[in-house]
Amino acid sequence: MVADRLLLSCPISQFLNPPDGGRILVNAESSESQLDTTMQSVKVVVVGAGVVGLSTAVCIAETLPHCSVTVISERFTPDTTSDGAAGILFASQFPDIPLEQQQRWFKESFDHLLAIAQSSKSGETGVILSSGCQVFKEVPADKRPFWAEHVLGFRFLSDRELKRFPDHKFGQAFTTIKCECTTYLPWLEKRFGKAGGKILNGKVSDLQRLADTYDVIVNCSGLGAHSLVGDAKMHPIRGQILKFHAPWVKNFVRDGDGHTYIYPGVNSVTLGGTRQAGDWRLEVDVGDREGILERCFRLEPALHGGKVVGKWVGLRPGRESPRVEVEWLRTAGGQEVPLVHNYGHGGFGVTLAWGTALDALGLVRQSLLQHPPMAKL
């Protein structure tokens, strides 16, 4: 356990009225700076403690230091979906999110992690630079994706380099970032604690009940949003990976179809994978295991001589596009409480976490400015 967590052995409702409570009355015409200085009684709760939830909690706690920020989650590291993530910064394009916004999300996340990778915190966090290539069996329509300008040294593979991949016709080489969430998440928890954040270990099944105690609710529940807010667009994308001992393999290789990848990390190489939409199975599938090994060995023959040292199965929070927006809940007393959503990142949680966290922070701040919380009567 990397931080002091309050384990809820009784219903979470018993913790929804802390003795230091009380909402404050803030003049709607107050400036942002005035709001910052009187925010010590404003209570923010973040639901979810994966990479998206903790990133969001840190951004809020550090930017609005006079707020009281609490994270509530049923699972924490090392038991989150994020802990099993390959953790390579690589983006896909979402259909109904403006491209400019997607670029910003990627750039903000990349720049945040790049600063860590180039600092003395790299070893502690497990955030490292990683160089390699992505190869395609057919030439893609978009040879230079929108994220190309944000990674380091993006270029096309030469004909000589492509000879290494006889089944492929086109390739891209670049340096990106690998983020090992098994060490990065504990570090985020510590950073959150230093910013005054509080952590509660418990299951939230009704956001409406939180509205009776907290002034702002931030929903980072991932796949849990399927039941928590009734989001029918949410679905599981089953992912199975292997951890492989092959320390001589230094560079990543990813097939452009997204199903086969080799990502060297700090202590092992991640081999993947599967993307099985609608599949809720959490058991290791032997057929998937053999398929991963066969495909990865064909893509990177240098893996021969290594051995499997671990396996993992998780459910990515699938959604056509991430949901980052605000809606309002009404309490029994008639007060309106902002509910900020930040979930549905699919397999790109690590890639987009910091960028969407900053957007969620903006929505929290805007909500408090436009609709200041009312004092309890």
Foldseek 3Di string as FASTA:
>chain_A
DLDDAAEDPDDCLVVLADPLAKAADDPLPDDLVVCLVPALRAEEEEEDQALQRLLLLLVQLVVSVSYAYEYEYQDYPPPDLNQPFQQWQDDDDFDPDPPVLVLLLLLLLQVVLVVCQPDPNCVQFQKHKAWAKEFELDCDPDNQDPNNVRFAPKDWDDPVVCVLPVSTDTMIITMGMGTNCNRNSSVSVVSSVVSVYHYYNDDDQEVLSSVVRHQAYEYAPALVCCRNVVPPQWWWFKWKKFWKDQVVDGHKYHYPVRAFIWADGDGTIITGTGGHTRDPDFDDDPVRVVVRVVVHCSSPVSSPPMGTDGMGMDIGTAGSDWDFDWDWDAHPVGWIGIYTYTYHHGSCCSSRSNSSSVSNSVRVSVCCSNRPGHIDD
